[in-house]
Protein backbone atom coordinates (compact mmCIF):
# COMPACT_ATOMS: atom_id res chain seq x y z
CA MET A 1 37.38 0.44 32.18
CA ALA A 2 35.82 -2.10 34.54
CA GLN A 3 37.42 -5.50 34.81
CA PRO A 4 35.40 -8.22 33.05
CA THR A 5 33.54 -10.41 35.52
CA GLN A 6 33.75 -13.46 33.28
CA ASN A 7 36.89 -14.80 31.67
CA TRP A 8 35.98 -17.25 28.98
CA ALA A 9 35.35 -17.62 25.26
CA VAL A 10 31.95 -19.08 24.42
CA ARG A 11 31.09 -20.83 21.17
CA LYS A 12 28.09 -22.75 19.86
CA PRO A 13 28.33 -25.48 17.24
CA ALA A 14 26.70 -24.91 13.87
CA VAL A 15 25.14 -27.78 11.95
CA ALA A 16 25.22 -28.62 8.24
CA SER A 17 22.78 -31.09 6.74
CA ASN A 18 21.55 -32.46 3.45
CA ARG A 19 18.11 -32.47 5.10
CA GLY A 20 16.30 -30.02 7.34
CA VAL A 21 17.52 -27.98 10.31
CA VAL A 22 15.77 -26.37 13.30
CA ALA A 23 17.34 -23.63 15.46
CA ALA A 24 15.75 -22.71 18.78
CA GLN A 25 16.48 -21.51 22.29
CA ASN A 26 16.23 -25.05 23.69
CA GLY A 27 17.89 -28.05 22.10
CA VAL A 28 15.37 -30.60 23.36
CA ALA A 29 12.56 -28.63 21.73
CA ALA A 30 14.59 -28.16 18.54
CA ALA A 31 15.12 -31.92 18.37
CA ILE A 32 11.34 -32.45 18.46
CA GLY A 33 11.03 -30.05 15.53
CA ALA A 34 13.78 -31.92 13.68
CA ALA A 35 11.91 -35.17 14.26
CA ALA A 36 8.83 -33.59 12.65
CA LEU A 37 10.96 -32.87 9.58
CA ALA A 38 12.14 -36.48 9.52
CA ALA A 39 8.51 -37.61 9.60
CA GLY A 40 7.91 -35.71 6.36
CA GLY A 41 6.90 -32.41 7.88
CA SER A 42 7.43 -28.95 6.46
CA ALA A 43 9.40 -26.14 8.06
CA VAL A 44 6.10 -24.92 9.52
CA ASP A 45 5.39 -28.31 11.09
CA ALA A 46 8.87 -28.16 12.60
CA VAL A 47 8.51 -24.71 14.18
CA VAL A 48 5.04 -25.52 15.52
CA ALA A 49 6.18 -28.79 17.10
CA THR A 50 9.15 -26.91 18.57
CA ALA A 51 6.91 -24.14 19.89
CA PHE A 52 4.69 -26.58 21.75
CA ALA A 53 7.77 -28.23 23.22
CA LEU A 54 9.10 -24.83 24.32
CA ALA A 55 5.89 -24.35 26.33
CA VAL A 56 7.35 -27.10 28.54
CA ARG A 57 11.11 -26.64 28.26
CA GLU A 58 11.30 -22.82 28.19
CA PRO A 59 7.89 -22.00 29.71
CA TRP A 60 8.64 -18.47 30.95
CA ASN A 61 9.17 -17.16 27.41
CA SER A 62 6.26 -18.57 25.41
CA GLY A 63 3.50 -21.13 25.47
CA LEU A 64 -0.22 -21.72 25.13
CA GLY A 65 -0.94 -18.38 26.79
CA GLY A 66 1.10 -16.38 24.28
CA ILE A 67 0.92 -14.58 20.94
CA GLY A 68 3.24 -14.16 17.95
CA PHE A 69 4.07 -13.82 14.26
CA MET A 70 5.40 -16.31 11.71
CA VAL A 71 7.02 -15.68 8.32
CA VAL A 72 6.73 -18.61 5.90
CA HIS A 73 8.42 -18.96 2.52
CA PRO A 74 7.35 -22.37 1.15
CA PRO A 75 9.58 -24.21 -1.32
CA GLY A 76 8.87 -23.07 -4.86
CA ALA A 77 6.89 -20.00 -3.79
CA ALA A 78 7.85 -16.62 -5.19
CA ARG A 79 7.34 -14.79 -1.89
CA ALA A 80 6.59 -15.29 1.78
CA GLU A 81 3.34 -15.06 3.68
CA ILE A 82 2.74 -14.02 7.27
CA VAL A 83 0.74 -15.77 9.96
CA ASP A 84 -0.33 -12.91 12.23
CA PHE A 85 -1.55 -13.85 15.70
CA GLY A 86 -0.39 -10.70 17.44
CA PRO A 87 -1.75 -9.28 20.70
CA ILE A 88 -5.32 -7.99 20.98
CA ALA A 89 -6.88 -6.67 24.19
CA PRO A 90 -10.04 -8.37 25.53
CA GLY A 91 -13.27 -6.93 24.20
CA GLY A 92 -14.61 -6.19 27.67
CA LEU A 93 -11.47 -4.50 28.97
CA ASP A 94 -12.25 -1.31 30.89
CA PRO A 95 -9.51 1.37 30.69
CA ALA A 96 -10.87 2.92 33.89
CA ALA A 97 -9.80 -0.23 35.75
CA TYR A 98 -6.15 0.83 35.38
CA PRO A 99 -5.86 4.05 37.43
CA LEU A 100 -2.45 5.73 37.64
CA THR A 101 -0.61 6.13 40.93
CA GLY A 102 1.63 9.05 39.97
CA ASP A 103 4.78 6.90 40.08
CA MET A 104 6.72 5.38 37.18
CA ARG A 105 7.63 1.77 36.37
CA THR A 106 10.59 0.76 34.18
CA GLU A 107 10.10 -2.98 33.70
CA LEU A 108 10.33 -3.34 29.91
CA PHE A 109 8.31 -0.14 29.40
CA THR A 110 8.73 3.24 31.06
CA TRP A 111 5.01 3.65 31.70
CA PRO A 112 3.30 5.54 34.51
CA ARG A 113 2.56 3.04 37.25
CA VAL A 114 -0.91 1.50 37.42
CA ALA A 115 -2.55 0.72 40.76
CA ASP A 116 -1.43 -2.71 42.01
CA ASP A 117 0.58 -3.11 38.77
CA ARG A 118 -2.53 -4.81 37.40
CA ASN A 119 -1.44 -4.11 33.79
CA MET A 120 1.81 -6.01 34.47
CA HIS A 121 0.77 -9.15 36.34
CA GLY A 122 -2.34 -11.00 37.37
CA PRO A 123 -5.60 -11.71 35.50
CA MET A 124 -6.23 -8.11 34.46
CA SER A 125 -2.98 -8.10 32.43
CA PHE A 126 -4.06 -10.79 29.94
CA ALA A 127 -4.33 -10.13 26.21
CA ILE A 128 -6.22 -12.73 24.19
CA PRO A 129 -3.99 -15.86 23.94
CA SER A 130 -3.81 -16.40 20.17
CA ALA A 131 -0.78 -18.69 19.84
CA VAL A 132 -2.73 -21.94 19.47
CA ARG A 133 -5.01 -20.36 16.85
CA GLY A 134 -1.96 -19.09 14.96
CA TYR A 135 -0.21 -22.46 15.00
CA ALA A 136 -3.37 -24.17 13.81
CA LEU A 137 -3.80 -21.78 10.89
CA ALA A 138 -0.13 -22.15 9.93
CA VAL A 139 -0.39 -25.95 9.92
CA GLU A 140 -3.64 -25.86 7.97
CA ARG A 141 -2.06 -23.63 5.33
CA PHE A 142 1.52 -24.89 5.15
CA GLY A 143 1.76 -28.11 7.14
CA ARG A 144 1.96 -31.76 6.11
CA LEU A 145 1.64 -33.61 9.41
CA PRO A 146 -1.43 -34.29 11.57
CA TRP A 147 -2.03 -31.81 14.38
CA ARG A 148 -1.81 -34.56 16.97
CA ASP A 149 1.72 -35.46 15.92
CA LEU A 150 2.85 -31.88 16.51
CA VAL A 151 1.37 -31.51 20.01
CA ALA A 152 1.77 -35.02 21.48
CA PRO A 153 5.56 -34.82 21.94
CA ALA A 154 5.14 -31.70 24.07
CA ALA A 155 2.51 -33.48 26.17
CA ALA A 156 4.99 -36.30 26.77
CA LEU A 157 7.64 -33.78 27.83
CA ALA A 158 5.18 -32.14 30.22
CA ARG A 159 4.41 -35.45 31.90
CA GLY A 160 8.11 -35.69 32.77
CA GLY A 161 8.24 -32.16 34.14
CA LEU A 162 10.90 -29.48 33.70
CA PRO A 163 14.42 -30.59 34.73
CA VAL A 164 15.77 -28.08 37.26
CA ASP A 165 19.24 -26.77 36.52
CA TRP A 166 20.96 -23.48 37.46
CA TYR A 167 19.19 -21.63 34.66
CA VAL A 168 15.74 -22.66 35.90
CA THR A 169 16.74 -21.43 39.35
CA LEU A 170 17.98 -18.14 37.95
CA LYS A 171 14.91 -17.46 35.84
CA THR A 172 12.49 -18.42 38.60
CA ALA A 173 14.30 -16.36 41.23
CA THR A 174 14.11 -13.22 39.10
CA ALA A 175 10.30 -13.51 38.93
CA ALA A 176 9.68 -14.96 42.41
CA LEU A 177 8.44 -11.69 43.92
CA ASP A 178 5.40 -11.73 41.64
CA LEU A 179 5.01 -15.51 41.25
CA ARG A 180 4.40 -15.80 44.98
CA ARG A 181 1.37 -13.48 44.74
CA TYR A 182 -0.80 -16.10 43.04
CA ASP A 183 -1.68 -19.46 44.59
CA GLU A 184 -1.16 -21.75 41.60
CA SER A 185 1.94 -19.90 40.40
CA ARG A 186 3.45 -20.19 43.87
CA ARG A 187 2.54 -23.88 44.12
CA VAL A 188 4.07 -24.73 40.74
CA TRP A 189 7.13 -22.50 40.66
CA LEU A 190 8.08 -21.95 44.29
CA PRO A 191 8.09 -25.30 46.09
CA ASP A 192 8.57 -24.69 49.82
CA ASP A 193 8.08 -20.98 48.91
CA LEU A 194 11.56 -20.86 47.38
CA PRO A 195 12.85 -21.06 43.79
CA PRO A 196 13.58 -24.67 42.78
CA CYS A 197 17.24 -25.64 43.05
CA CYS A 198 19.41 -28.36 41.57
CA PRO A 199 21.57 -30.24 44.12
CA PRO A 200 25.33 -29.87 43.63
CA THR A 201 25.66 -33.55 42.75
CA GLY A 202 23.38 -36.12 41.14
CA GLU A 203 20.59 -35.80 38.62
CA PRO A 204 18.49 -32.63 38.48
CA PRO A 205 15.00 -32.92 39.96
CA SER A 206 11.94 -32.31 37.81
CA LEU A 207 9.46 -29.55 38.39
CA GLY A 208 5.82 -30.38 37.71
CA LEU A 209 4.00 -27.77 35.64
CA GLY A 210 0.55 -28.05 37.12
CA ARG A 211 -2.06 -29.46 34.75
CA LEU A 212 -0.18 -28.46 31.60
CA ALA A 213 0.42 -32.09 30.57
CA GLU A 214 -3.31 -32.83 30.73
CA THR A 215 -4.10 -29.71 28.72
CA LEU A 216 -1.56 -30.56 26.02
CA THR A 217 -2.86 -34.13 25.86
CA ARG A 218 -6.41 -32.90 25.33
CA LEU A 219 -5.24 -30.28 22.82
CA ALA A 220 -3.46 -32.99 20.82
CA GLU A 221 -6.61 -35.14 20.68
CA CYS A 222 -9.34 -32.50 20.35
CA GLY A 223 -7.60 -29.87 18.23
CA ALA A 224 -7.21 -26.13 18.51
CA VAL A 225 -10.96 -25.54 18.53
CA ASP A 226 -11.13 -26.99 22.04
CA PHE A 227 -8.80 -24.26 23.28
CA TYR A 228 -11.18 -21.58 22.04
CA GLU A 229 -14.65 -23.14 22.20
CA GLY A 230 -14.44 -26.44 24.12
CA GLU A 231 -13.49 -27.79 27.52
CA ILE A 232 -10.13 -26.04 27.62
CA ALA A 233 -11.82 -22.73 26.78
CA ARG A 234 -14.37 -23.19 29.54
CA ALA A 235 -11.65 -23.94 32.07
CA ILE A 236 -9.68 -20.85 30.99
CA VAL A 237 -12.71 -18.57 31.30
CA ASP A 238 -13.69 -20.01 34.69
CA ASP A 239 -10.21 -19.34 36.08
CA VAL A 240 -10.04 -15.83 34.61
CA ARG A 241 -13.47 -14.98 36.02
CA ALA A 242 -12.46 -16.29 39.44
CA GLY A 243 -9.35 -14.09 39.33
CA GLY A 244 -11.24 -10.95 38.29
CA GLY A 245 -9.87 -10.67 34.74
CA PHE A 246 -11.53 -9.36 31.57
CA LEU A 247 -10.81 -12.23 29.15
CA SER A 248 -14.15 -13.83 28.19
CA ALA A 249 -15.61 -16.80 26.34
CA ALA A 250 -16.50 -14.41 23.50
CA ASP A 251 -12.87 -13.28 23.27
CA LEU A 252 -11.68 -16.86 22.90
CA ALA A 253 -14.42 -17.92 20.48
CA GLY A 254 -13.79 -14.84 18.35
CA CYS A 255 -10.00 -15.17 18.33
CA ARG A 256 -8.66 -15.46 14.79
CA ALA A 257 -5.23 -15.59 13.24
CA ARG A 258 -4.82 -14.19 9.74
CA ILE A 259 -2.67 -14.76 6.67
CA LEU A 260 -1.09 -11.63 5.19
CA PRO A 261 1.41 -10.98 2.41
CA SER A 262 4.91 -10.31 3.70
CA LEU A 263 6.42 -6.85 3.78
CA ASP A 264 9.13 -7.23 1.12
CA ILE A 265 12.05 -4.86 1.74
CA PRO A 266 14.65 -4.60 -1.05
CA TYR A 267 18.31 -4.54 0.02
CA ARG A 268 21.35 -5.12 -2.19
CA GLY A 269 19.63 -7.55 -4.57
CA TYR A 270 17.80 -9.42 -1.78
CA PHE A 271 14.30 -9.10 -0.39
CA PHE A 272 13.90 -9.08 3.37
CA GLU A 273 10.47 -10.69 3.90
CA ALA A 274 9.06 -9.50 7.22
CA ALA A 275 5.82 -9.47 9.21
CA ARG A 276 4.00 -6.30 8.20
CA GLY A 277 1.86 -4.39 10.66
CA LEU A 278 2.40 -3.72 14.35
CA THR A 279 5.86 -5.28 14.53
CA ALA A 280 9.43 -4.05 14.12
CA ALA A 281 9.25 -4.67 10.34
CA PRO A 282 8.40 -1.08 9.28
CA THR A 283 11.35 0.15 11.36
CA LEU A 284 13.56 -2.52 9.77
CA ALA A 285 12.53 -1.17 6.36
CA ASP A 286 13.51 2.33 7.49
CA VAL A 287 16.93 1.12 8.70
CA LEU A 288 17.68 -0.85 5.53
CA ASP A 289 16.73 2.14 3.40
CA ARG A 290 19.22 4.26 5.34
CA LEU A 291 21.97 1.63 4.93
CA ALA A 292 21.35 0.76 1.28
CA GLY A 293 23.46 3.62 -0.06
CA LYS A 294 26.42 2.96 2.23
CA SER A 295 29.62 1.20 1.20
CA PHE A 296 31.31 -1.11 3.71
CA ALA A 297 34.73 -2.71 4.04
CA ASN A 298 35.32 -6.44 3.72
CA ALA A 299 34.55 -6.99 7.41
CA PRO A 300 32.53 -5.12 10.06
CA ASP A 301 34.71 -2.19 11.15
CA ALA A 302 34.08 1.00 13.10
CA GLY A 303 32.63 2.73 10.04
CA TYR A 304 30.12 -0.06 9.55
CA PHE A 305 28.96 0.00 13.16
CA GLU A 306 28.71 3.80 13.10
CA ALA A 307 26.42 3.54 10.08
CA VAL A 308 24.30 0.96 11.91
CA ILE A 309 24.12 3.14 15.03
CA ASP A 310 23.01 6.20 13.05
CA ALA A 311 20.43 4.27 11.02
CA LEU A 312 18.92 2.53 14.05
CA GLN A 313 18.79 5.65 16.20
CA GLN A 314 17.16 7.69 13.45
CA ALA A 315 14.65 4.92 12.72
CA TYR A 316 13.80 4.50 16.39
CA ALA A 317 13.21 8.24 16.73
CA ALA A 318 10.68 7.99 13.91
CA ARG A 319 9.10 4.84 15.39
CA LEU A 320 8.65 6.26 18.87
CA GLU A 321 7.35 9.66 17.76
CA GLY A 322 3.85 10.01 19.11
CA LEU A 323 4.01 6.76 21.08
CA GLY A 324 5.27 8.23 24.34
CA ALA A 325 8.01 6.60 26.38
CA GLY A 326 9.26 3.19 25.45
CA GLU A 327 11.10 0.43 27.21
CA PRO A 328 14.65 1.26 28.40
CA GLY A 329 15.92 -2.26 28.13
CA ALA A 330 14.68 -5.75 27.48
CA ASP A 331 14.34 -8.91 29.48
CA GLY A 332 14.76 -12.20 27.63
CA CYS A 333 11.01 -12.64 27.52
CA THR A 334 10.32 -14.05 24.07
CA THR A 335 11.46 -17.02 22.02
CA HIS A 336 12.38 -17.46 18.37
CA ILE A 337 12.46 -20.61 16.21
CA THR A 338 13.75 -20.87 12.65
CA ALA A 339 13.50 -23.98 10.50
CA ILE A 340 14.40 -25.03 6.97
CA ASP A 341 13.11 -28.23 5.41
CA ARG A 342 14.90 -30.44 2.91
CA ALA A 343 13.05 -28.79 0.01
CA GLY A 344 14.30 -25.34 1.05
CA GLY A 345 11.13 -24.01 2.66
CA ILE A 346 11.82 -21.69 5.59
CA ALA A 347 9.65 -20.70 8.56
CA ALA A 348 10.61 -18.09 11.15
CA LEU A 349 8.43 -17.88 14.27
CA THR A 350 8.68 -15.36 17.09
CA THR A 351 6.28 -15.92 19.99
CA THR A 352 6.06 -14.44 23.47
CA LEU A 353 4.34 -14.02 26.82
CA LEU A 354 5.76 -10.43 26.81
CA SER A 355 7.48 -10.32 30.22
CA SER A 356 9.47 -13.23 31.56
CA PHE A 357 6.76 -15.51 33.03
CA GLY A 358 4.23 -13.22 31.34
CA SER A 359 1.49 -12.31 33.82
CA ARG A 360 3.11 -14.59 36.43
CA TYR A 361 -0.34 -16.18 36.62
CA VAL A 362 -0.77 -19.93 36.09
CA LEU A 363 -4.38 -20.93 35.44
CA PRO A 364 -5.17 -23.68 37.98
CA GLN A 365 -7.41 -25.88 35.82
CA THR A 366 -5.12 -25.97 32.76
CA GLY A 367 -1.57 -25.18 33.91
CA ILE A 368 -1.40 -22.43 31.26
CA LEU A 369 0.97 -19.55 32.07
CA MET A 370 -0.75 -16.48 30.66
CA ASN A 371 0.71 -13.47 28.87
CA ASN A 372 0.68 -9.93 30.26
CA GLY A 373 -0.08 -8.28 26.93
CA VAL A 374 -2.01 -5.36 28.45
CA MET A 375 1.42 -3.98 29.41
CA TRP A 376 2.06 -3.31 25.70
CA PHE A 377 -0.44 -0.44 25.95
CA ASP A 378 0.26 3.02 27.33
CA PRO A 379 -1.85 3.37 30.51
CA ARG A 380 -2.22 7.12 29.89
CA PRO A 381 -5.49 7.95 28.10
CA GLY A 382 -5.60 9.81 24.81
CA ARG A 383 -2.40 8.36 23.34
CA PRO A 384 -2.07 6.45 20.05
CA ASN A 385 -1.14 3.32 22.01
CA SER A 386 -3.46 3.81 25.02
CA ILE A 387 -5.23 0.90 26.71
CA ALA A 388 -8.54 0.17 24.98
CA PRO A 389 -10.82 -2.85 24.44
CA ALA A 390 -10.27 -5.08 21.39
CA LYS A 391 -7.21 -3.06 20.36
CA ARG A 392 -4.09 -4.40 18.67
CA ALA A 393 -0.75 -3.65 20.32
CA LEU A 394 2.56 -2.53 18.81
CA THR A 395 5.30 -5.14 19.35
CA ASN A 396 9.04 -5.46 18.73
CA MET A 397 9.00 -8.90 17.10
CA CYS A 398 10.93 -9.28 13.85
CA PRO A 399 10.85 -12.80 12.33
CA LEU A 400 12.52 -12.65 8.94
CA VAL A 401 13.12 -14.64 5.76
CA VAL A 402 15.61 -13.27 3.24
CA ALA A 403 15.06 -14.24 -0.41
CA ARG A 404 16.92 -13.73 -3.67
CA ASP A 405 15.81 -14.54 -7.22
CA GLY A 406 12.48 -15.79 -5.85
CA ARG A 407 14.07 -18.36 -3.50
CA ALA A 408 14.33 -18.29 0.27
CA ARG A 409 18.02 -18.07 1.17
CA PHE A 410 17.97 -17.78 4.96
CA GLY A 411 15.70 -17.16 7.92
CA ALA A 412 16.42 -15.41 11.20
CA GLY A 413 14.88 -13.85 14.27
CA ALA A 414 15.53 -13.21 17.94
CA SER A 415 14.10 -12.72 21.40
CA GLY A 416 14.91 -9.70 23.54
CA GLY A 417 12.32 -6.90 23.34
CA ARG A 418 13.62 -3.76 21.64
CA ARG A 419 17.01 -5.42 21.28
CA ILE A 420 15.51 -7.76 18.68
CA LEU A 421 15.64 -5.36 15.74
CA GLY A 422 19.33 -4.48 16.02
CA ALA A 423 20.33 -8.12 16.46
CA VAL A 424 18.30 -9.38 13.49
CA LEU A 425 19.50 -6.50 11.33
CA GLN A 426 23.17 -7.16 12.09
CA LEU A 427 22.92 -10.94 11.77
CA ALA A 428 21.28 -10.62 8.34
CA SER A 429 23.72 -7.88 7.31
CA PHE A 430 26.71 -10.03 8.26
CA VAL A 431 25.47 -12.60 5.73
CA VAL A 432 24.41 -10.19 2.98
CA ASP A 433 27.05 -7.45 3.28
CA PHE A 434 30.06 -9.54 4.28
CA GLY A 435 29.30 -13.04 2.99
CA MET A 436 29.63 -14.62 6.42
CA THR A 437 28.62 -18.20 7.10
CA PRO A 438 25.94 -18.71 9.77
CA GLU A 439 28.62 -19.75 12.27
CA GLU A 440 30.71 -16.67 11.52
CA ALA A 441 27.68 -14.38 11.74
CA ALA A 442 26.52 -15.80 15.07
CA HIS A 443 29.95 -15.40 16.66
CA GLN A 444 30.64 -11.91 15.31
CA PRO A 445 30.35 -9.43 18.23
CA ARG A 446 27.59 -6.86 17.80
CA ILE A 447 26.40 -3.56 19.15
CA ASP A 448 22.97 -2.96 20.64
CA VAL A 449 20.88 0.06 19.70
CA SER A 450 17.48 -0.07 21.39
CA GLY A 451 16.30 3.49 21.03
CA GLU A 452 16.99 6.94 19.66
CA THR A 453 19.78 7.61 22.18
CA GLY A 454 22.49 5.45 23.72
CA PHE A 455 23.98 2.16 22.58
CA ALA A 456 25.94 -0.79 23.97
CA ILE A 457 29.26 -2.08 22.62
CA ASP A 458 30.24 -5.73 23.01
CA ARG A 459 33.55 -5.75 24.87
CA ARG A 460 34.82 -8.50 22.51
CA LEU A 461 34.96 -6.18 19.50
CA PRO A 462 38.53 -5.42 18.34
CA ASP A 463 40.27 -2.63 20.24
CA PRO A 464 40.27 -0.06 17.37
CA VAL A 465 36.54 -0.59 16.76
CA ARG A 466 35.64 -0.51 20.43
CA GLU A 467 37.70 2.62 21.15
CA ARG A 468 36.30 4.59 18.21
CA LEU A 469 32.71 3.68 19.05
CA ALA A 470 33.25 4.41 22.76
CA ALA A 471 34.04 8.03 21.89
CA ARG A 472 30.48 8.57 20.62
CA PRO A 473 27.84 10.09 22.92
CA GLY A 474 25.79 7.54 24.81
CA ALA A 475 28.27 4.67 24.39
CA ALA A 476 28.52 1.93 27.01
CA ILE A 477 30.97 -0.98 26.85
CA VAL A 478 29.32 -4.14 28.21
CA GLU A 479 29.91 -7.86 28.47
CA HIS A 480 27.86 -10.33 26.50
CA THR A 481 26.71 -12.58 29.34
CA VAL A 482 23.82 -14.91 30.13
CA TRP A 483 22.65 -12.59 32.91
CA PRO A 484 22.23 -9.69 32.91
CA GLN A 485 21.22 -9.81 29.27
CA ARG A 486 22.75 -6.99 27.26
CA PHE A 487 22.00 -8.33 23.79
CA ALA A 488 19.17 -10.17 22.08
CA CYS A 489 19.22 -13.93 21.43
CA PRO A 490 19.12 -14.53 17.65
CA ASN A 491 19.30 -17.70 15.56
CA LEU A 492 19.57 -18.42 11.86
CA VAL A 493 19.14 -21.14 9.22
CA LEU A 494 20.50 -20.87 5.68
CA ARG A 495 20.42 -22.72 2.37
CA GLY A 496 24.01 -22.79 1.15
CA GLY A 497 25.23 -22.57 -2.41
CA ASP A 498 26.40 -26.16 -2.00
CA GLY A 499 22.80 -27.33 -1.51
CA LEU A 500 23.28 -28.04 2.19
CA ASN A 501 21.20 -26.49 4.95
CA TYR A 502 22.99 -24.76 7.81
CA GLY A 503 21.87 -23.62 11.26
CA ILE A 504 23.23 -21.84 14.31
CA ALA A 505 21.68 -20.82 17.63
CA ASP A 506 22.44 -17.95 19.99
CA LEU A 507 25.80 -18.54 21.61
CA MET A 508 25.00 -17.17 25.08
CA SER A 509 21.65 -18.94 25.60
CA PRO A 510 22.63 -21.95 27.71
CA TRP A 511 20.06 -24.33 26.21
CA SER A 512 20.05 -23.09 22.62
CA ALA A 513 20.89 -25.40 19.72
CA ALA A 514 20.57 -25.97 16.01
CA VAL A 515 19.53 -29.56 15.35
CA ALA A 516 19.66 -31.39 12.03
CA GLU A 517 16.89 -33.68 10.85
CA PRO A 518 17.70 -37.26 11.97
CA GLY A 519 19.36 -39.35 9.30
CA ALA A 520 21.00 -36.33 7.69
CA THR A 521 24.58 -36.18 6.51
CA ALA A 522 26.68 -33.06 6.09
């Protein structure tokens, strides 16, 4: 067995509050969401305010150029609803513009390689950016605060720039090869043609994010319609046209989010309320059905994890049948936010640019970092998931609210590509099957099953569990580290039986935090 390269025990603090809680992958952004709760906002207001802030403080994972799904269970409602703003290809996309080279690529997806990797980065990789439309619909349906109050804090953050610490350097360096291909991306992210660095002493410098602050300021004042039909839309289309992309004014004007009923999956007296459609939710339903008849011990043991491995591998085999090859691993290229308000309403939002830094293309006139959603599609023609105009893509996102007796009990979700499903499943199972608190669930070591073969074992699992699992075919014992990322990054909020709200963020994400609404007491 290889010697561990890191020798420490990492913990994250949980929060308990008699008011609302927000959990996110960046504590500054989570605090903005918590402030929205303190201003009288709903859980939806909180996740939207946090999402806009993450466009500034975690910009490689999500932002104005992204897409996503939100599960909302309002206080007093009998069931959840879904805000679907998932990826759709531009209407004028030409599949013939993505010729195959005969090689293979294994970044996120094991697809045949496309000439110039134009499905992976650059203007021809853009899906329609629907995040702003989705947030607007969610606020219209479930929000209590004015739109401006949800966007303006992010604009203020953007004016101050992104503080450069070691994590900014790490994330930028991993994408530098492609960021340097595009003038505005290179100017913003690679000052002096090198990744930005924090000096060993003193305060971290700030990295300007192009014209993102101006765009957020206008978006706050003019509303979401400006992004799709106004000055922001015109600037987006001009930049895409100049870069040779397919995204058009008609694509933006026609972009719509939609409200759908949740997919309600029964499990041991609870209902797992998930985002139906082209997400991981149908596979989650398959896994829970396979686990429902199993009996487990009082704590996660080898038998429990073997049942999880079998269920996930069998469900993934069914999911991938007919879809061709899938991704072998997963970069930390998404973000997840979960919030609970003082009335017990829960919102779980997963949003993404797909790859880390998405298309690696910053639009010069707006500072928007665009998604590379075309990479969701199989570049081979004649497949169920082949590249095609105006087509919806299959994703791995799995935002979740778990309800019992008609009340939302907890919400969860994660970033991490195909690692999302296994992480969300186990986190929720730790609460339902073993009665763990959010803090206990977040710190319980997990396994990762991201496909129909092979799985990863967290080295921190107890020796008897680790040794029994390691004897199974395809087992790999790995460390749970910041980089390389072997596991997804989940977070969770929960309404306790004592009437308090609890929250916990992913322990290995350096910026992650659960933040209580200001003025709260435990």
